Amino acid sequence: MKLIMRSEFDNLRMNPFHDYQSDVNGDKQVVKIFRNNHLIAKKITLKKSIRYFAVKGFQQFLVDEID
């Protein structure tokens, strides 16, 4: 997994074909995004630090913005 930008993570999260789940353990929160039951991205929040990660080739799962 590699670091990605927040806008890319939000794009993956808003895609109707993707499922997501959230886990909280003390100060740590993890949001995972799945496609076809495969983990494609995750957001890790630890205290005031937020990091976004995605698998290699995640760009194929991004959706074009339609205004």
Protein backbone atom coordinates (compact mmCIF):
# COMPACT_ATOMS: atom_id res chain seq x y z
CA MET A 1 0.00 0.00 0.00
CA LYS A 2 1.09 3.55 -0.67
CA LEU A 3 0.07 6.99 0.58
CA ILE A 4 -2.66 8.77 -1.38
CA MET A 5 -4.40 12.15 -1.18
CA ARG A 6 -7.63 12.71 0.74
CA SER A 7 -9.54 13.61 -2.45
CA GLU A 8 -8.59 10.24 -3.98
CA PHE A 9 -9.72 8.41 -0.84
CA ASP A 10 -13.03 10.31 -0.84
CA ASN A 11 -13.52 9.43 -4.49
CA LEU A 12 -13.09 5.73 -3.68
CA ARG A 13 -15.38 5.98 -0.65
CA MET A 14 -18.21 7.68 -2.56
CA ASN A 15 -18.23 5.05 -5.33
CA PRO A 16 -21.49 3.04 -5.08
CA PHE A 17 -19.69 -0.17 -6.12
CA HIS A 18 -17.42 -0.04 -3.06
CA ASP A 19 -18.19 -1.17 0.48
CA TYR A 20 -16.53 0.22 3.57
CA GLN A 21 -16.22 -0.59 7.24
CA SER A 22 -14.94 1.29 10.25
CA ASP A 23 -13.09 -0.01 13.30
CA VAL A 24 -12.26 1.93 16.47
CA ASN A 25 -9.72 0.79 19.03
CA GLY A 26 -8.92 3.42 21.65
CA ASP A 27 -7.36 6.45 19.93
CA LYS A 28 -6.99 4.61 16.61
CA GLN A 29 -9.70 4.54 13.94
CA VAL A 30 -9.41 2.61 10.68
CA VAL A 31 -11.78 2.96 7.72
CA LYS A 32 -11.34 0.25 5.07
CA ILE A 33 -12.72 0.34 1.52
CA PHE A 34 -13.42 -2.91 -0.32
CA ARG A 35 -14.28 -3.82 -3.90
CA ASN A 36 -15.42 -7.40 -4.55
CA ASN A 37 -14.32 -8.26 -0.98
CA HIS A 38 -10.74 -7.11 -1.69
CA LEU A 39 -9.19 -4.31 0.37
CA ILE A 40 -8.31 -1.42 -1.94
CA ALA A 41 -7.84 1.52 0.47
CA LYS A 42 -7.78 2.50 4.11
CA LYS A 43 -7.71 5.61 6.28
CA ILE A 44 -5.90 5.51 9.61
CA THR A 45 -6.63 8.17 12.23
CA LEU A 46 -4.34 8.15 15.27
CA LYS A 47 -4.89 11.07 17.65
CA LYS A 48 -4.48 14.11 15.33
CA SER A 49 -2.71 12.26 12.50
CA ILE A 50 -4.69 11.10 9.45
CA ARG A 51 -3.12 8.97 6.72
CA TYR A 52 -4.67 7.56 3.56
CA PHE A 53 -3.38 4.42 1.84
CA ALA A 54 -4.35 2.50 -1.29
CA VAL A 55 -3.18 -0.56 -3.16
CA LYS A 56 -0.97 -0.30 -6.22
CA GLY A 57 -3.10 0.47 -9.28
CA PHE A 58 -5.95 2.04 -7.28
CA GLN A 59 -6.44 4.62 -10.08
CA GLN A 60 -8.50 2.08 -12.02
CA PHE A 61 -11.15 2.27 -9.27
CA LEU A 62 -11.48 6.08 -9.33
CA VAL A 63 -14.68 7.58 -10.74
CA ASP A 64 -14.80 10.68 -12.92
CA GLU A 65 -16.54 13.56 -11.17
CA ILE A 66 -19.85 14.47 -12.81
CA ASP A 67 -21.21 17.95 -12.02
